[in-house]
Amino acid sequence: MEEKDVLNNVLSLTKNMCEILFHGNIESSNKTVEKVFNNALNDYLTLQKEIFNLMKEKEYYTLEEVNESKIEKTRLKHENTNLC
């Protein structure tokens, strides 16, 4: 198995773990349990970012350059979704 495949799998597993810990956090029955989930979630989010940055550095994961007008158009499109 290629290094890229291994890192891709590790990144996917880490993202899945973040999702599990997030749900554990929001569904916690008490503050102590919530804190444990929250701390673990923060650790996994940091790990996920480190894996992503490594993959980007090795050019396994490339980002598309987007101009400001496209960003602004997307922001305006979603601005009135009333999520908050």
N, C-alpha and C. Protein backbone atom coordinates (compact mmCIF):
# COMPACT_ATOMS: atom_id res chain seq x y z
N MET A 1 0.85 -1.17 0.00
CA MET A 1 0.00 0.00 0.00
C MET A 1 0.90 1.24 0.00
N GLU A 2 0.55 2.21 -0.82
CA GLU A 2 1.31 3.45 -0.95
C GLU A 2 1.12 4.33 0.29
N GLU A 3 2.11 5.17 0.56
CA GLU A 3 2.02 6.10 1.68
C GLU A 3 0.78 6.98 1.57
N LYS A 4 0.48 7.44 0.37
CA LYS A 4 -0.70 8.29 0.15
C LYS A 4 -1.97 7.57 0.59
N ASP A 5 -2.09 6.29 0.26
CA ASP A 5 -3.27 5.51 0.65
C ASP A 5 -3.36 5.35 2.16
N VAL A 6 -2.23 5.11 2.79
CA VAL A 6 -2.21 4.96 4.25
C VAL A 6 -2.64 6.26 4.92
N LEU A 7 -2.07 7.37 4.47
CA LEU A 7 -2.43 8.67 5.05
C LEU A 7 -3.90 9.00 4.79
N ASN A 8 -4.38 8.67 3.62
CA ASN A 8 -5.79 8.90 3.29
C ASN A 8 -6.70 8.10 4.23
N ASN A 9 -6.34 6.86 4.49
CA ASN A 9 -7.12 6.02 5.41
C ASN A 9 -7.06 6.56 6.84
N VAL A 10 -5.87 6.97 7.27
CA VAL A 10 -5.72 7.53 8.62
C VAL A 10 -6.53 8.81 8.75
N LEU A 11 -6.51 9.65 7.72
CA LEU A 11 -7.29 10.88 7.75
C LEU A 11 -8.78 10.57 7.84
N SER A 12 -9.25 9.62 7.06
CA SER A 12 -10.67 9.23 7.11
C SER A 12 -11.06 8.69 8.48
N LEU A 13 -10.23 7.84 9.04
CA LEU A 13 -10.51 7.28 10.36
C LEU A 13 -10.52 8.38 11.43
N THR A 14 -9.61 9.32 11.30
CA THR A 14 -9.55 10.43 12.26
C THR A 14 -10.79 11.30 12.16
N LYS A 15 -11.24 11.57 10.94
CA LYS A 15 -12.47 12.35 10.75
C LYS A 15 -13.67 11.60 11.35
N ASN A 16 -13.72 10.30 11.15
CA ASN A 16 -14.80 9.50 11.74
C ASN A 16 -14.78 9.56 13.26
N MET A 17 -13.59 9.51 13.83
CA MET A 17 -13.47 9.59 15.28
C MET A 17 -13.92 10.96 15.77
N CYS A 18 -13.61 12.02 15.03
CA CYS A 18 -14.08 13.36 15.39
C CYS A 18 -15.61 13.40 15.43
N GLU A 19 -16.23 12.77 14.46
CA GLU A 19 -17.70 12.74 14.43
C GLU A 19 -18.27 11.99 15.63
N ILE A 20 -17.68 10.87 15.97
CA ILE A 20 -18.13 10.08 17.12
C ILE A 20 -17.96 10.89 18.41
N LEU A 21 -16.81 11.52 18.58
CA LEU A 21 -16.55 12.31 19.79
C LEU A 21 -17.45 13.54 19.86
N PHE A 22 -17.75 14.14 18.73
CA PHE A 22 -18.67 15.28 18.70
C PHE A 22 -20.04 14.87 19.22
N HIS A 23 -20.54 13.75 18.72
CA HIS A 23 -21.86 13.29 19.17
C HIS A 23 -21.83 12.89 20.65
N GLY A 24 -20.74 12.29 21.09
CA GLY A 24 -20.60 11.99 22.51
C GLY A 24 -20.62 13.25 23.35
N ASN A 25 -19.98 14.29 22.84
CA ASN A 25 -19.94 15.56 23.55
C ASN A 25 -21.33 16.17 23.68
N ILE A 26 -22.06 16.28 22.59
CA ILE A 26 -23.35 16.96 22.64
C ILE A 26 -24.44 16.13 23.31
N GLU A 27 -24.21 14.82 23.42
CA GLU A 27 -25.21 13.95 24.05
C GLU A 27 -24.82 13.53 25.46
N SER A 28 -23.77 14.14 26.00
CA SER A 28 -23.30 13.80 27.35
C SER A 28 -24.37 14.11 28.39
N SER A 29 -24.45 13.23 29.37
CA SER A 29 -25.47 13.39 30.41
C SER A 29 -25.00 14.25 31.59
N ASN A 30 -23.69 14.47 31.68
CA ASN A 30 -23.19 15.35 32.75
C ASN A 30 -21.93 16.07 32.30
N LYS A 31 -21.55 17.08 33.05
CA LYS A 31 -20.44 17.95 32.68
C LYS A 31 -19.09 17.22 32.66
N THR A 32 -18.90 16.26 33.54
CA THR A 32 -17.63 15.53 33.58
C THR A 32 -17.44 14.71 32.31
N VAL A 33 -18.48 14.01 31.91
CA VAL A 33 -18.42 13.20 30.69
C VAL A 33 -18.26 14.12 29.47
N GLU A 34 -18.99 15.22 29.48
CA GLU A 34 -18.90 16.18 28.37
C GLU A 34 -17.47 16.71 28.23
N LYS A 35 -16.83 17.00 29.35
CA LYS A 35 -15.46 17.52 29.33
C LYS A 35 -14.49 16.48 28.75
N VAL A 36 -14.67 15.22 29.12
CA VAL A 36 -13.81 14.16 28.60
C VAL A 36 -13.95 14.07 27.08
N PHE A 37 -15.20 14.06 26.61
CA PHE A 37 -15.44 14.01 25.16
C PHE A 37 -14.87 15.25 24.48
N ASN A 38 -15.07 16.42 25.08
CA ASN A 38 -14.60 17.66 24.48
C ASN A 38 -13.08 17.68 24.36
N ASN A 39 -12.38 17.24 25.41
CA ASN A 39 -10.92 17.19 25.37
C ASN A 39 -10.42 16.22 24.30
N ALA A 40 -11.05 15.06 24.23
CA ALA A 40 -10.66 14.08 23.22
C ALA A 40 -10.95 14.61 21.82
N LEU A 41 -12.10 15.28 21.66
CA LEU A 41 -12.45 15.85 20.35
C LEU A 41 -11.40 16.87 19.93
N ASN A 42 -11.01 17.75 20.84
CA ASN A 42 -9.99 18.75 20.51
C ASN A 42 -8.67 18.10 20.11
N ASP A 43 -8.29 17.03 20.81
CA ASP A 43 -7.07 16.31 20.45
C ASP A 43 -7.16 15.72 19.05
N TYR A 44 -8.30 15.11 18.73
CA TYR A 44 -8.48 14.50 17.41
C TYR A 44 -8.59 15.55 16.31
N LEU A 45 -9.18 16.70 16.60
CA LEU A 45 -9.24 17.78 15.60
C LEU A 45 -7.84 18.29 15.29
N THR A 46 -7.00 18.38 16.31
CA THR A 46 -5.60 18.78 16.11
C THR A 46 -4.87 17.74 15.27
N LEU A 47 -5.07 16.47 15.59
CA LEU A 47 -4.45 15.39 14.84
C LEU A 47 -4.91 15.39 13.39
N GLN A 48 -6.21 15.59 13.17
CA GLN A 48 -6.76 15.62 11.82
C GLN A 48 -6.10 16.75 11.02
N LYS A 49 -5.94 17.90 11.62
CA LYS A 49 -5.32 19.04 10.93
C LYS A 49 -3.86 18.74 10.61
N GLU A 50 -3.14 18.07 11.52
CA GLU A 50 -1.75 17.72 11.28
C GLU A 50 -1.62 16.73 10.12
N ILE A 51 -2.51 15.75 10.06
CA ILE A 51 -2.49 14.78 8.97
C ILE A 51 -2.80 15.48 7.65
N PHE A 52 -3.82 16.34 7.67
CA PHE A 52 -4.17 17.09 6.47
C PHE A 52 -2.98 17.93 5.98
N ASN A 53 -2.33 18.64 6.90
CA ASN A 53 -1.19 19.48 6.53
C ASN A 53 -0.04 18.65 5.96
N LEU A 54 0.19 17.47 6.53
CA LEU A 54 1.23 16.58 6.02
C LEU A 54 0.89 16.14 4.59
N MET A 55 -0.37 15.78 4.37
CA MET A 55 -0.79 15.36 3.03
C MET A 55 -0.67 16.51 2.03
N LYS A 56 -1.01 17.70 2.48
CA LYS A 56 -0.90 18.88 1.61
C LYS A 56 0.57 19.15 1.29
N GLU A 57 1.43 19.04 2.30
CA GLU A 57 2.86 19.25 2.12
C GLU A 57 3.45 18.26 1.12
N LYS A 58 2.97 17.02 1.17
CA LYS A 58 3.46 15.99 0.26
C LYS A 58 2.74 16.01 -1.09
N GLU A 59 1.85 16.99 -1.24
CA GLU A 59 1.06 17.17 -2.45
C GLU A 59 0.15 15.97 -2.75
N TYR A 60 -0.29 15.29 -1.68
CA TYR A 60 -1.29 14.23 -1.82
C TYR A 60 -2.69 14.83 -1.79
N TYR A 61 -2.77 16.01 -1.25
CA TYR A 61 -4.06 16.69 -1.08
C TYR A 61 -3.85 18.10 -1.59
N THR A 62 -4.50 18.44 -2.69
CA THR A 62 -4.32 19.78 -3.25
C THR A 62 -5.58 20.61 -3.06
N LEU A 63 -5.38 21.89 -2.90
CA LEU A 63 -6.48 22.82 -2.72
C LEU A 63 -6.62 23.68 -3.97
N GLU A 64 -7.85 23.94 -4.33
CA GLU A 64 -8.12 24.79 -5.47
C GLU A 64 -8.06 26.25 -5.03
N GLU A 65 -7.35 27.07 -5.79
CA GLU A 65 -7.33 28.50 -5.52
C GLU A 65 -8.66 29.09 -5.97
N VAL A 66 -9.28 29.86 -5.09
CA VAL A 66 -10.57 30.45 -5.39
C VAL A 66 -10.45 31.96 -5.26
N ASN A 67 -10.99 32.66 -6.25
CA ASN A 67 -10.88 34.13 -6.19
C ASN A 67 -11.90 34.69 -5.21
N GLU A 68 -11.63 35.91 -4.77
CA GLU A 68 -12.45 36.57 -3.75
C GLU A 68 -13.91 36.72 -4.15
N SER A 69 -14.17 36.98 -5.43
CA SER A 69 -15.57 37.17 -5.85
C SER A 69 -16.38 35.89 -5.70
N LYS A 70 -15.75 34.76 -5.94
CA LYS A 70 -16.46 33.49 -5.77
C LYS A 70 -16.73 33.22 -4.28
N ILE A 71 -15.79 33.56 -3.44
CA ILE A 71 -15.97 33.41 -1.99
C ILE A 71 -17.11 34.30 -1.52
N GLU A 72 -17.10 35.54 -1.97
CA GLU A 72 -18.15 36.48 -1.58
C GLU A 72 -19.52 36.03 -2.07
N LYS A 73 -19.58 35.51 -3.28
CA LYS A 73 -20.84 35.01 -3.84
C LYS A 73 -21.38 33.86 -2.99
N THR A 74 -20.51 32.96 -2.59
CA THR A 74 -20.92 31.84 -1.76
C THR A 74 -21.36 32.31 -0.38
N ARG A 75 -20.63 33.26 0.19
CA ARG A 75 -21.00 33.80 1.50
C ARG A 75 -22.38 34.45 1.45
N LEU A 76 -22.63 35.24 0.43
CA LEU A 76 -23.92 35.90 0.29
C LEU A 76 -25.05 34.89 0.09
N LYS A 77 -24.76 33.85 -0.64
CA LYS A 77 -25.76 32.80 -0.90
C LYS A 77 -26.22 32.15 0.41
N HIS A 78 -25.28 31.96 1.33
CA HIS A 78 -25.58 31.26 2.57
C HIS A 78 -25.82 32.19 3.77
N GLU A 79 -25.68 33.46 3.54
CA GLU A 79 -25.80 34.44 4.62
C GLU A 79 -27.18 34.42 5.27
N ASN A 80 -28.19 34.19 4.53
CA ASN A 80 -29.56 34.26 5.03
C ASN A 80 -30.16 32.89 5.36
N THR A 81 -29.31 31.95 5.71
CA THR A 81 -29.82 30.61 6.06
C THR A 81 -30.37 30.53 7.47
N ASN A 82 -30.10 31.59 8.26
CA ASN A 82 -30.61 31.68 9.65
C ASN A 82 -30.20 30.48 10.50
N LEU A 83 -28.96 30.05 10.35
CA LEU A 83 -28.49 28.94 11.16
C LEU A 83 -28.17 29.36 12.58
N CYS A 84 -27.94 30.62 12.81
CA CYS A 84 -27.59 31.09 14.15
C CYS A 84 -28.71 31.93 14.72
